[in-house]
PDB file of N, CA and C in Angstrom:
ATOM      1  N   MET A   1      44.331  31.945 -73.367  1.00  0.00           N
ATOM      2  CA  MET A   1      45.300  32.581 -72.224  1.00  0.00           C
ATOM      3  C   MET A   1      45.122  34.217 -72.588  1.00  0.00           C
ATOM      4  N   LYS A   2      44.970  34.933 -71.770  1.00  0.00           N
ATOM      5  CA  LYS A   2      44.828  36.503 -71.935  1.00  0.00           C
ATOM      6  C   LYS A   2      46.027  36.879 -71.062  1.00  0.00           C
ATOM      7  N   LEU A   3      46.208  38.272 -71.252  1.00  0.00           N
ATOM      8  CA  LEU A   3      46.995  39.086 -70.479  1.00  0.00           C
ATOM      9  C   LEU A   3      46.235  40.407 -70.313  1.00  0.00           C
ATOM     10  N   VAL A   4      45.888  40.844 -69.251  1.00  0.00           N
ATOM     11  CA  VAL A   4      45.159  42.177 -68.994  1.00  0.00           C
ATOM     12  C   VAL A   4      46.101  43.021 -68.397  1.00  0.00           C
ATOM     13  N   ILE A   5      46.220  43.970 -68.820  1.00  0.00           N
ATOM     14  CA  ILE A   5      46.997  45.307 -68.571  1.00  0.00           C
ATOM     15  C   ILE A   5      46.250  46.345 -68.003  1.00  0.00           C
ATOM     16  N   ALA A   6      46.358  46.356 -66.745  1.00  0.00           N
ATOM     17  CA  ALA A   6      45.299  47.519 -66.020  1.00  0.00           C
ATOM     18  C   ALA A   6      46.415  49.015 -65.381  1.00  0.00           C
ATOM     19  N   VAL A   7      46.107  49.932 -65.892  1.00  0.00           N
ATOM     20  CA  VAL A   7      46.963  51.308 -65.451  1.00  0.00           C
ATOM     21  C   VAL A   7      45.799  51.928 -64.451  1.00  0.00           C
ATOM     22  N   VAL A   8      45.903  51.865 -63.251  1.00  0.00           N
ATOM     23  CA  VAL A   8      45.218  52.274 -62.400  1.00  0.00           C
ATOM     24  C   VAL A   8      45.847  53.274 -61.566  1.00  0.00           C
ATOM     25  N   GLN A   9      45.119  54.184 -60.770  1.00  0.00           N
ATOM     26  CA  GLN A   9      45.574  55.289 -59.767  1.00  0.00           C
ATOM     27  C   GLN A   9      46.195  54.997 -58.879  1.00  0.00           C
ATOM     28  N   GLY A  10      47.270  55.038 -58.184  1.00  0.00           N
ATOM     29  CA  GLY A  10      48.038  54.601 -57.019  1.00  0.00           C
ATOM     30  C   GLY A  10      47.310  54.814 -55.724  1.00  0.00           C
ATOM     31  N   LYS A  11      46.131  55.280 -55.360  1.00  0.00           N
ATOM     32  CA  LYS A  11      45.073  54.961 -54.697  1.00  0.00           C
ATOM     33  C   LYS A  11      44.304  53.770 -54.642  1.00  0.00           C
ATOM     34  N   ASP A  12      44.369  53.351 -55.719  1.00  0.00           N
ATOM     35  CA  ASP A  12      43.481  52.446 -55.797  1.00  0.00           C
ATOM     36  C   ASP A  12      44.106  50.955 -55.937  1.00  0.00           C
ATOM     37  N   ALA A  13      45.548  50.969 -56.252  1.00  0.00           N
ATOM     38  CA  ALA A  13      46.041  49.710 -56.298  1.00  0.00           C
ATOM     39  C   ALA A  13      45.752  48.697 -55.244  1.00  0.00           C
ATOM     40  N   GLU A  14      45.960  49.073 -54.091  1.00  0.00           N
ATOM     41  CA  GLU A  14      46.224  48.180 -52.699  1.00  0.00           C
ATOM     42  C   GLU A  14      44.848  47.291 -52.814  1.00  0.00           C
ATOM     43  N   PRO A  15      43.514  48.158 -53.100  1.00  0.00           N
ATOM     44  CA  PRO A  15      42.370  47.521 -52.584  1.00  0.00           C
ATOM     45  C   PRO A  15      41.984  46.292 -53.914  1.00  0.00           C
ATOM     46  N   LEU A  16      42.720  46.717 -55.301  1.00  0.00           N
ATOM     47  CA  LEU A  16      42.563  46.030 -56.352  1.00  0.00           C
ATOM     48  C   LEU A  16      43.366  44.886 -55.987  1.00  0.00           C
ATOM     49  N   LEU A  17      44.718  44.850 -56.176  1.00  0.00           N
ATOM     50  CA  LEU A  17      45.513  43.891 -55.578  1.00  0.00           C
ATOM     51  C   LEU A  17      45.008  43.265 -54.190  1.00  0.00           C
ATOM     52  N   GLY A  18      44.318  43.124 -53.346  1.00  0.00           N
ATOM     53  CA  GLY A  18      43.876  42.821 -52.767  1.00  0.00           C
ATOM     54  C   GLY A  18      42.702  41.710 -52.961  1.00  0.00           C
ATOM     55  N   ALA A  19      41.684  42.343 -53.900  1.00  0.00           N
ATOM     56  CA  ALA A  19      40.400  41.581 -54.368  1.00  0.00           C
ATOM     57  C   ALA A  19      40.942  40.631 -55.178  1.00  0.00           C
ATOM     58  N   LEU A  20      42.023  40.973 -56.122  1.00  0.00           N
ATOM     59  CA  LEU A  20      42.607  39.909 -56.974  1.00  0.00           C
ATOM     60  C   LEU A  20      43.347  38.786 -56.081  1.00  0.00           C
ATOM     61  N   THR A  21      43.874  38.928 -55.365  1.00  0.00           N
ATOM     62  CA  THR A  21      44.610  37.870 -54.393  1.00  0.00           C
ATOM     63  C   THR A  21      43.485  37.008 -53.935  1.00  0.00           C
ATOM     64  N   ASN A  22      42.383  37.760 -53.241  1.00  0.00           N
ATOM     65  CA  ASN A  22      41.304  36.944 -52.626  1.00  0.00           C
ATOM     66  C   ASN A  22      40.493  36.019 -53.332  1.00  0.00           C
ATOM     67  N   LYS A  23      40.533  36.281 -55.086  1.00  0.00           N
ATOM     68  CA  LYS A  23      40.186  35.616 -55.967  1.00  0.00           C
ATOM     69  C   LYS A  23      41.073  34.651 -56.342  1.00  0.00           C
ATOM     70  N   ARG A  24      42.432  34.509 -55.824  1.00  0.00           N
ATOM     71  CA  ARG A  24      43.598  33.796 -56.277  1.00  0.00           C
ATOM     72  C   ARG A  24      44.073  34.014 -57.643  1.00  0.00           C
ATOM     73  N   TYR A  25      43.863  35.333 -57.878  1.00  0.00           N
ATOM     74  CA  TYR A  25      44.807  35.787 -59.477  1.00  0.00           C
ATOM     75  C   TYR A  25      46.010  36.512 -58.949  1.00  0.00           C
ATOM     76  N   ARG A  26      47.037  35.921 -59.756  1.00  0.00           N
ATOM     77  CA  ARG A  26      48.312  36.632 -59.546  1.00  0.00           C
ATOM     78  C   ARG A  26      48.447  37.756 -60.229  1.00  0.00           C
ATOM     79  N   ALA A  27      49.152  38.668 -59.878  1.00  0.00           N
ATOM     80  CA  ALA A  27      49.274  39.925 -60.692  1.00  0.00           C
ATOM     81  C   ALA A  27      50.887  40.679 -60.226  1.00  0.00           C
ATOM     82  N   THR A  28      51.515  41.337 -61.368  1.00  0.00           N
ATOM     83  CA  THR A  28      52.673  41.756 -61.198  1.00  0.00           C
ATOM     84  C   THR A  28      52.552  43.419 -61.131  1.00  0.00           C
ATOM     85  N   GLN A  29      53.187  44.111 -60.403  1.00  0.00           N
ATOM     86  CA  GLN A  29      52.881  45.313 -60.007  1.00  0.00           C
ATOM     87  C   GLN A  29      53.970  46.188 -60.818  1.00  0.00           C
ATOM     88  N   VAL A  30      53.959  47.112 -61.693  1.00  0.00           N
ATOM     89  CA  VAL A  30      54.916  48.186 -62.249  1.00  0.00           C
ATOM     90  C   VAL A  30      54.358  49.485 -61.666  1.00  0.00           C
ATOM     91  N   ASN A  31      55.050  50.064 -60.806  1.00  0.00           N
ATOM     92  CA  ASN A  31      54.879  51.747 -60.584  1.00  0.00           C
ATOM     93  C   ASN A  31      55.338  52.368 -61.552  1.00  0.00           C
ATOM     94  N   SER A  32      54.526  53.321 -61.939  1.00  0.00           N
ATOM     95  CA  SER A  32      54.637  54.491 -62.911  1.00  0.00           C
ATOM     96  C   SER A  32      54.011  55.896 -62.497  1.00  0.00           C
ATOM     97  N   ALA A  33      54.220  56.534 -63.668  1.00  0.00           N
ATOM     98  CA  ALA A  33      53.825  57.919 -63.407  1.00  0.00           C
ATOM     99  C   ALA A  33      53.567  58.623 -64.504  1.00  0.00           C
ATOM    100  N   GLY A  34      52.793  59.493 -64.644  1.00  0.00           N
ATOM    101  CA  GLY A  34      52.317  59.891 -66.129  1.00  0.00           C
ATOM    102  C   GLY A  34      51.012  60.421 -66.111  1.00  0.00           C
ATOM    103  N   GLY A  35      50.797  60.876 -67.407  1.00  0.00           N
ATOM    104  CA  GLY A  35      49.106  61.222 -67.888  1.00  0.00           C
ATOM    105  C   GLY A  35      49.333  62.947 -67.525  1.00  0.00           C
ATOM    106  N   PHE A  36      48.262  63.420 -67.215  1.00  0.00           N
ATOM    107  CA  PHE A  36      48.127  64.853 -67.422  1.00  0.00           C
ATOM    108  C   PHE A  36      48.327  65.425 -65.937  1.00  0.00           C
ATOM    109  N   LEU A  37      48.304  64.925 -65.094  1.00  0.00           N
ATOM    110  CA  LEU A  37      48.925  65.663 -63.748  1.00  0.00           C
ATOM    111  C   LEU A  37      49.938  64.882 -63.043  1.00  0.00           C
ATOM    112  N   ARG A  38      50.554  64.117 -63.915  1.00  0.00           N
ATOM    113  CA  ARG A  38      51.811  63.215 -63.572  1.00  0.00           C
ATOM    114  C   ARG A  38      51.892  62.625 -62.300  1.00  0.00           C
ATOM    115  N   GLU A  39      50.567  62.013 -62.062  1.00  0.00           N
ATOM    116  CA  GLU A  39      50.525  61.600 -60.664  1.00  0.00           C
ATOM    117  C   GLU A  39      50.963  60.114 -60.823  1.00  0.00           C
ATOM    118  N   SER A  40      51.236  59.610 -59.405  1.00  0.00           N
ATOM    119  CA  SER A  40      51.303  58.206 -59.406  1.00  0.00           C
ATOM    120  C   SER A  40      50.780  57.087 -60.084  1.00  0.00           C
ATOM    121  N   ASN A  41      50.832  56.250 -60.769  1.00  0.00           N
ATOM    122  CA  ASN A  41      49.954  55.340 -61.223  1.00  0.00           C
ATOM    123  C   ASN A  41      50.476  53.892 -61.323  1.00  0.00           C
ATOM    124  N   VAL A  42      49.756  53.018 -61.248  1.00  0.00           N
ATOM    125  CA  VAL A  42      50.561  51.442 -60.816  1.00  0.00           C
ATOM    126  C   VAL A  42      49.881  50.745 -62.203  1.00  0.00           C
ATOM    127  N   THR A  43      50.925  50.164 -62.991  1.00  0.00           N
ATOM    128  CA  THR A  43      50.345  49.159 -64.231  1.00  0.00           C
ATOM    129  C   THR A  43      50.517  47.572 -63.743  1.00  0.00           C
ATOM    130  N   LEU A  44      49.418  47.197 -63.621  1.00  0.00           N
ATOM    131  CA  LEU A  44      49.196  45.511 -63.086  1.00  0.00           C
ATOM    132  C   LEU A  44      49.399  44.898 -64.695  1.00  0.00           C
ATOM    133  N   LEU A  45      49.972  43.633 -64.470  1.00  0.00           N
ATOM    134  CA  LEU A  45      49.966  42.724 -65.290  1.00  0.00           C
ATOM    135  C   LEU A  45      49.299  41.547 -64.882  1.00  0.00           C
ATOM    136  N   ILE A  46      48.448  40.825 -65.479  1.00  0.00           N
ATOM    137  CA  ILE A  46      47.465  39.961 -64.929  1.00  0.00           C
ATOM    138  C   ILE A  46      47.237  38.961 -66.064  1.00  0.00           C
ATOM    139  N   GLY A  47      48.079  37.785 -65.884  1.00  0.00           N
ATOM    140  CA  GLY A  47      47.529  36.510 -66.575  1.00  0.00           C
ATOM    141  C   GLY A  47      46.395  35.748 -66.418  1.00  0.00           C
ATOM    142  N   VAL A  48      45.522  35.436 -67.092  1.00  0.00           N
ATOM    143  CA  VAL A  48      44.245  34.683 -66.941  1.00  0.00           C
ATOM    144  C   VAL A  48      43.735  34.049 -68.043  1.00  0.00           C
ATOM    145  N   GLU A  49      43.107  32.935 -67.454  1.00  0.00           N
ATOM    146  CA  GLU A  49      42.231  32.329 -68.815  1.00  0.00           C
ATOM    147  C   GLU A  49      41.249  32.975 -69.252  1.00  0.00           C
ATOM    148  N   GLU A  50      40.900  32.890 -70.644  1.00  0.00           N
ATOM    149  CA  GLU A  50      39.955  33.740 -71.272  1.00  0.00           C
ATOM    150  C   GLU A  50      38.626  33.735 -70.708  1.00  0.00           C
ATOM    151  N   THR A  51      38.121  32.537 -70.083  1.00  0.00           N
ATOM    152  CA  THR A  51      36.995  32.636 -69.141  1.00  0.00           C
ATOM    153  C   THR A  51      37.207  33.195 -67.782  1.00  0.00           C
ATOM    154  N   SER A  52      38.282  33.734 -67.607  1.00  0.00           N
ATOM    155  CA  SER A  52      38.134  34.534 -66.063  1.00  0.00           C
ATOM    156  C   SER A  52      38.168  36.172 -66.402  1.00  0.00           C
ATOM    157  N   VAL A  53      38.403  36.687 -67.632  1.00  0.00           N
ATOM    158  CA  VAL A  53      38.697  37.934 -68.180  1.00  0.00           C
ATOM    159  C   VAL A  53      37.689  38.889 -67.663  1.00  0.00           C
ATOM    160  N   ALA A  54      36.117  38.412 -67.730  1.00  0.00           N
ATOM    161  CA  ALA A  54      35.054  39.153 -67.312  1.00  0.00           C
ATOM    162  C   ALA A  54      35.307  39.415 -65.585  1.00  0.00           C
ATOM    163  N   GLU A  55      35.433  38.143 -64.839  1.00  0.00           N
ATOM    164  CA  GLU A  55      35.931  38.617 -63.465  1.00  0.00           C
ATOM    165  C   GLU A  55      36.745  39.353 -63.134  1.00  0.00           C
ATOM    166  N   VAL A  56      37.776  39.356 -63.703  1.00  0.00           N
ATOM    167  CA  VAL A  56      38.896  40.482 -63.539  1.00  0.00           C
ATOM    168  C   VAL A  56      38.674  41.818 -63.867  1.00  0.00           C
ATOM    169  N   LEU A  57      37.760  41.933 -64.944  1.00  0.00           N
ATOM    170  CA  LEU A  57      37.226  43.162 -65.115  1.00  0.00           C
ATOM    171  C   LEU A  57      36.524  43.626 -64.356  1.00  0.00           C
ATOM    172  N   SER A  58      35.668  42.897 -63.909  1.00  0.00           N
ATOM    173  CA  SER A  58      34.518  43.524 -63.095  1.00  0.00           C
ATOM    174  C   SER A  58      35.345  43.880 -61.639  1.00  0.00           C
ATOM    175  N   LEU A  59      36.276  43.190 -60.958  1.00  0.00           N
ATOM    176  CA  LEU A  59      37.316  43.432 -60.277  1.00  0.00           C
ATOM    177  C   LEU A  59      37.812  44.721 -60.189  1.00  0.00           C
ATOM    178  N   ILE A  60      38.128  44.927 -61.351  1.00  0.00           N
ATOM    179  CA  ILE A  60      38.857  46.333 -61.440  1.00  0.00           C
ATOM    180  C   ILE A  60      37.872  47.410 -61.405  1.00  0.00           C
ATOM    181  N   GLU A  61      36.858  47.420 -62.084  1.00  0.00           N
ATOM    182  CA  GLU A  61      35.654  48.325 -61.828  1.00  0.00           C
ATOM    183  C   GLU A  61      35.317  48.611 -60.392  1.00  0.00           C
ATOM    184  N   GLU A  62      35.224  47.385 -59.758  1.00  0.00           N
ATOM    185  CA  GLU A  62      34.903  47.511 -58.201  1.00  0.00           C
ATOM    186  C   GLU A  62      35.766  48.428 -57.530  1.00  0.00           C
ATOM    187  N   ASN A  63      37.148  48.385 -57.752  1.00  0.00           N
ATOM    188  CA  ASN A  63      38.138  48.878 -57.014  1.00  0.00           C
ATOM    189  C   ASN A  63      38.738  50.199 -57.414  1.00  0.00           C
ATOM    190  N   CYS A  64      38.366  50.414 -58.686  1.00  0.00           N
ATOM    191  CA  CYS A  64      39.169  51.648 -59.108  1.00  0.00           C
ATOM    192  C   CYS A  64      38.036  52.574 -59.599  1.00  0.00           C
ATOM    193  N   HIS A  65      38.150  53.802 -59.047  1.00  0.00           N
ATOM    194  CA  HIS A  65      37.012  54.819 -58.819  1.00  0.00           C
ATOM    195  C   HIS A  65      37.863  56.045 -59.576  1.00  0.00           C
ATOM    196  N   SER A  66      36.968  56.821 -60.450  1.00  0.00           N
ATOM    197  CA  SER A  66      37.167  58.158 -60.851  1.00  0.00           C
ATOM    198  C   SER A  66      37.024  59.400 -59.482  1.00  0.00           C
ATOM    199  N   ARG A  67      37.811  60.326 -59.410  1.00  0.00           N
ATOM    200  CA  ARG A  67      37.726  61.061 -58.374  1.00  0.00           C
ATOM    201  C   ARG A  67      38.017  62.560 -59.426  1.00  0.00           C
ATOM    202  N   THR A  68      37.464  63.845 -58.744  1.00  0.00           N
ATOM    203  CA  THR A  68      37.587  65.209 -59.250  1.00  0.00           C
ATOM    204  C   THR A  68      38.706  65.976 -58.527  1.00  0.00           C
ATOM    205  N   ARG A  69      39.396  66.372 -58.979  1.00  0.00           N
ATOM    206  CA  ARG A  69      40.514  67.108 -58.611  1.00  0.00           C
ATOM    207  C   ARG A  69      40.636  68.711 -59.354  1.00  0.00           C
ATOM    208  N   PHE A  70      41.004  69.363 -58.326  1.00  0.00           N
ATOM    209  CA  PHE A  70      41.213  71.134 -58.868  1.00  0.00           C
ATOM    210  C   PHE A  70      42.533  71.243 -59.160  1.00  0.00           C
ATOM    211  N   VAL A  71      42.858  71.849 -60.316  1.00  0.00           N
ATOM    212  CA  VAL A  71      43.884  72.185 -60.722  1.00  0.00           C
ATOM    213  C   VAL A  71      44.199  73.625 -61.212  1.00  0.00           C
ATOM    214  N   ASN A  72      45.482  74.024 -61.087  1.00  0.00           N
ATOM    215  CA  ASN A  72      45.359  75.494 -61.451  1.00  0.00           C
ATOM    216  C   ASN A  72      46.154  75.476 -63.194  1.00  0.00           C
ATOM    217  N   PRO A  73      45.339  76.208 -64.000  1.00  0.00           N
ATOM    218  CA  PRO A  73      45.648  76.416 -65.454  1.00  0.00           C
ATOM    219  C   PRO A  73      47.246  76.651 -65.685  1.00  0.00           C
ATOM    220  N   LEU A  74      47.646  76.392 -66.851  1.00  0.00           N
ATOM    221  CA  LEU A  74      48.899  76.939 -67.128  1.00  0.00           C
ATOM    222  C   LEU A  74      48.595  78.726 -67.197  1.00  0.00           C
ATOM    223  N   MET A  75      49.853  79.371 -66.808  1.00  0.00           N
ATOM    224  CA  MET A  75      49.510  80.811 -67.299  1.00  0.00           C
ATOM    225  C   MET A  75      49.742  80.892 -68.737  1.00  0.00           C
ATOM    226  N   PRO A  76      48.884  82.099 -69.125  1.00  0.00           N
ATOM    227  CA  PRO A  76      48.920  82.244 -70.612  1.00  0.00           C
ATOM    228  C   PRO A  76      49.877  83.210 -70.826  1.00  0.00           C
ATOM    229  N   ILE A  77      50.723  83.477 -72.058  1.00  0.00           N
ATOM    230  CA  ILE A  77      51.627  84.549 -72.209  1.00  0.00           C
ATOM    231  C   ILE A  77      50.874  85.769 -72.459  1.00  0.00           C
ATOM    232  N   MET A  78      51.882  86.410 -71.607  1.00  0.00           N
ATOM    233  CA  MET A  78      50.833  87.947 -71.217  1.00  0.00           C
ATOM    234  C   MET A  78      51.747  89.185 -71.684  1.00  0.00           C
ATOM    235  N   GLU A  79      51.256  90.296 -71.974  1.00  0.00           N
ATOM    236  CA  GLU A  79      52.209  91.554 -72.169  1.00  0.00           C
ATOM    237  C   GLU A  79      52.392  92.240 -70.727  1.00  0.00           C
ATOM    238  N   PRO A  80      53.709  92.856 -71.080  1.00  0.00           N
ATOM    239  CA  PRO A  80      53.938  93.625 -69.544  1.00  0.00           C
ATOM    240  C   PRO A  80      52.598  94.349 -69.083  1.00  0.00           C
ATOM    241  N   GLY A  81      52.402  94.643 -67.716  1.00  0.00           N
ATOM    242  CA  GLY A  81      51.143  95.155 -67.152  1.00  0.00           C
ATOM    243  C   GLY A  81      49.932  94.513 -67.372  1.00  0.00           C
ATOM    244  N   GLU A  82      49.838  93.431 -67.814  1.00  0.00           N
ATOM    245  CA  GLU A  82      48.600  92.855 -67.928  1.00  0.00           C
ATOM    246  C   GLU A  82      48.635  91.968 -66.487  1.00  0.00           C
ATOM    247  N   PHE A  83      47.442  91.698 -66.155  1.00  0.00           N
ATOM    248  CA  PHE A  83      46.933  90.974 -65.073  1.00  0.00           C
ATOM    249  C   PHE A  83      46.136  89.796 -65.139  1.00  0.00           C
ATOM    250  N   TYR A  84      46.694  88.455 -64.502  1.00  0.00           N
ATOM    251  CA  TYR A  84      45.706  87.340 -64.654  1.00  0.00           C
ATOM    252  C   TYR A  84      45.768  86.761 -63.460  1.00  0.00           C
ATOM    253  N   VAL A  85      44.381  86.411 -63.181  1.00  0.00           N
ATOM    254  CA  VAL A  85      44.226  85.608 -61.976  1.00  0.00           C
ATOM    255  C   VAL A  85      43.676  84.047 -62.490  1.00  0.00           C
ATOM    256  N   PRO A  86      44.163  83.239 -62.273  1.00  0.00           N
ATOM    257  CA  PRO A  86      43.904  81.694 -62.847  1.00  0.00           C
ATOM    258  C   PRO A  86      42.993  81.339 -61.675  1.00  0.00           C
ATOM    259  N   ASN A  87      41.719  80.395 -62.030  1.00  0.00           N
ATOM    260  CA  ASN A  87      40.880  79.983 -61.242  1.00  0.00           C
ATOM    261  C   ASN A  87      41.166  78.475 -61.602  1.00  0.00           C
ATOM    262  N   PRO A  88      41.082  77.872 -60.686  1.00  0.00           N
ATOM    263  CA  PRO A  88      41.277  76.448 -60.453  1.00  0.00           C
ATOM    264  C   PRO A  88      40.282  75.716 -61.515  1.00  0.00           C
ATOM    265  N   VAL A  89      40.703  74.329 -62.049  1.00  0.00           N
ATOM    266  CA  VAL A  89      39.755  73.780 -63.008  1.00  0.00           C
ATOM    267  C   VAL A  89      39.419  72.771 -62.593  1.00  0.00           C
ATOM    268  N   GLU A  90      38.345  72.240 -62.689  1.00  0.00           N
ATOM    269  CA  GLU A  90      37.835  70.899 -62.075  1.00  0.00           C
ATOM    270  C   GLU A  90      38.262  69.685 -63.203  1.00  0.00           C
ATOM    271  N   VAL A  91      38.979  68.646 -62.737  1.00  0.00           N
ATOM    272  CA  VAL A  91      39.358  67.842 -63.674  1.00  0.00           C
ATOM    273  C   VAL A  91      39.071  66.146 -63.124  1.00  0.00           C
ATOM    274  N   LEU A  92      38.819  65.182 -64.004  1.00  0.00           N
ATOM    275  CA  LEU A  92      38.417  63.857 -63.596  1.00  0.00           C
ATOM    276  C   LEU A  92      39.687  63.149 -63.400  1.00  0.00           C
ATOM    277  N   VAL A  93      40.149  62.510 -62.695  1.00  0.00           N
ATOM    278  CA  VAL A  93      41.149  61.515 -62.372  1.00  0.00           C
ATOM    279  C   VAL A  93      40.785  60.349 -62.068  1.00  0.00           C
ATOM    280  N   GLY A  94      41.391  59.092 -62.126  1.00  0.00           N
ATOM    281  CA  GLY A  94      41.431  57.775 -61.391  1.00  0.00           C
ATOM    282  C   GLY A  94      40.670  57.034 -62.626  1.00  0.00           C
ATOM    283  N   GLY A  95      40.248  56.110 -62.110  1.00  0.00           N
ATOM    284  CA  GLY A  95      39.499  54.767 -63.055  1.00  0.00           C
ATOM    285  C   GLY A  95      40.495  53.956 -63.298  1.00  0.00           C
ATOM    286  N   ALA A  96      40.605  53.518 -64.556  1.00  0.00           N
ATOM    287  CA  ALA A  96      41.262  52.556 -64.966  1.00  0.00           C
ATOM    288  C   ALA A  96      41.531  52.720 -66.645  1.00  0.00           C
ATOM    289  N   THR A  97      42.562  52.206 -66.971  1.00  0.00           N
ATOM    290  CA  THR A  97      42.699  52.078 -68.450  1.00  0.00           C
ATOM    291  C   THR A  97      43.274  50.428 -68.646  1.00  0.00           C
ATOM    292  N   VAL A  98      42.502  49.991 -69.491  1.00  0.00           N
ATOM    293  CA  VAL A  98      42.536  48.251 -69.187  1.00  0.00           C
ATOM    294  C   VAL A  98      42.665  47.754 -70.951  1.00  0.00           C
ATOM    295  N   PHE A  99      43.876  47.177 -70.888  1.00  0.00           N
ATOM    296  CA  PHE A  99      44.052  46.554 -72.263  1.00  0.00           C
ATOM    297  C   PHE A  99      44.040  45.024 -72.168  1.00  0.00           C
ATOM    298  N   VAL A 100      43.306  44.119 -72.840  1.00  0.00           N
ATOM    299  CA  VAL A 100      43.393  42.890 -72.918  1.00  0.00           C
ATOM    300  C   VAL A 100      43.910  42.397 -74.399  1.00  0.00           C
ATOM    301  N   LEU A 101      44.865  41.297 -73.814  1.00  0.00           N
ATOM    302  CA  LEU A 101      45.831  40.939 -74.984  1.00  0.00           C
ATOM    303  C   LEU A 101      45.785  39.647 -75.247  1.00  0.00           C
ATOM    304  N   ALA A 102      46.051  38.987 -76.544  1.00  0.00           N
ATOM    305  CA  ALA A 102      45.919  37.531 -76.544  1.00  0.00           C
ATOM    306  C   ALA A 102      47.280  36.850 -76.352  1.00  0.00           C
ATOM    307  N   VAL A 103      47.500  35.816 -75.668  1.00  0.00           N
ATOM    308  CA  VAL A 103      48.644  35.384 -75.325  1.00  0.00           C
ATOM    309  C   VAL A 103      48.979  34.133 -76.008  1.00  0.00           C
ATOM    310  N   SER A 104      49.970  34.122 -76.700  1.00  0.00           N
ATOM    311  CA  SER A 104      50.275  32.903 -77.728  1.00  0.00           C
ATOM    312  C   SER A 104      51.169  31.727 -77.207  1.00  0.00           C
ATOM    313  N   ARG A 105      51.856  32.300 -76.228  1.00  0.00           N
ATOM    314  CA  ARG A 105      52.658  31.178 -75.306  1.00  0.00           C
ATOM    315  C   ARG A 105      52.942  31.823 -73.934  1.00  0.00           C
ATOM    316  N   TYR A 106      52.565  30.961 -73.219  1.00  0.00           N
ATOM    317  CA  TYR A 106      52.679  31.229 -71.614  1.00  0.00           C
ATOM    318  C   TYR A 106      53.681  29.869 -70.857  1.00  0.00           C
ATOM    319  N   GLU A 107      54.710  30.337 -70.313  1.00  0.00           N
ATOM    320  CA  GLU A 107      55.606  29.393 -69.614  1.00  0.00           C
ATOM    321  C   GLU A 107      55.588  29.597 -68.001  1.00  0.00           C
ATOM    322  N   ARG A 108      55.639  28.879 -67.040  1.00  0.00           N
ATOM    323  CA  ARG A 108      55.914  29.166 -65.943  1.00  0.00           C
ATOM    324  C   ARG A 108      57.190  28.652 -65.549  1.00  0.00           C
ATOM    325  N   VAL A 109      58.197  29.172 -65.168  1.00  0.00           N
ATOM    326  CA  VAL A 109      59.839  28.532 -64.999  1.00  0.00           C
ATOM    327  C   VAL A 109      60.112  28.773 -63.555  1.00  0.00           C
ATOM    328  N   GLY A 110      60.415  27.300 -62.932  1.00  0.00           N
ATOM    329  CA  GLY A 110      60.969  27.505 -61.655  1.00  0.00           C
ATOM    330  C   GLY A 110      59.976  26.519 -60.624  1.00  0.00           C
TER     331      GLY A 110
END
């Protein structure tokens, strides 16, 4: 048994959950925020048999996409009278961060 923990961008969560459900995988969704831009993230906890890990990883890869965004950099410390015009910086966001952990014991109650 394995526990797949996938941290995905909020925009990718619904399509991924739909794909997992269509393949009869169960997932627990935990809403979170963080990272460089403090954007909405979703952490999915997916318990699967070891033989299903590759398929789950494939579904994550198919449904979680990187995107580019433009953000304004932080203002530098400046002396009085200096003038600074920040230019937006292009950053890559999204995709997924995935951890696969071994599960020593699994029980379903109820």
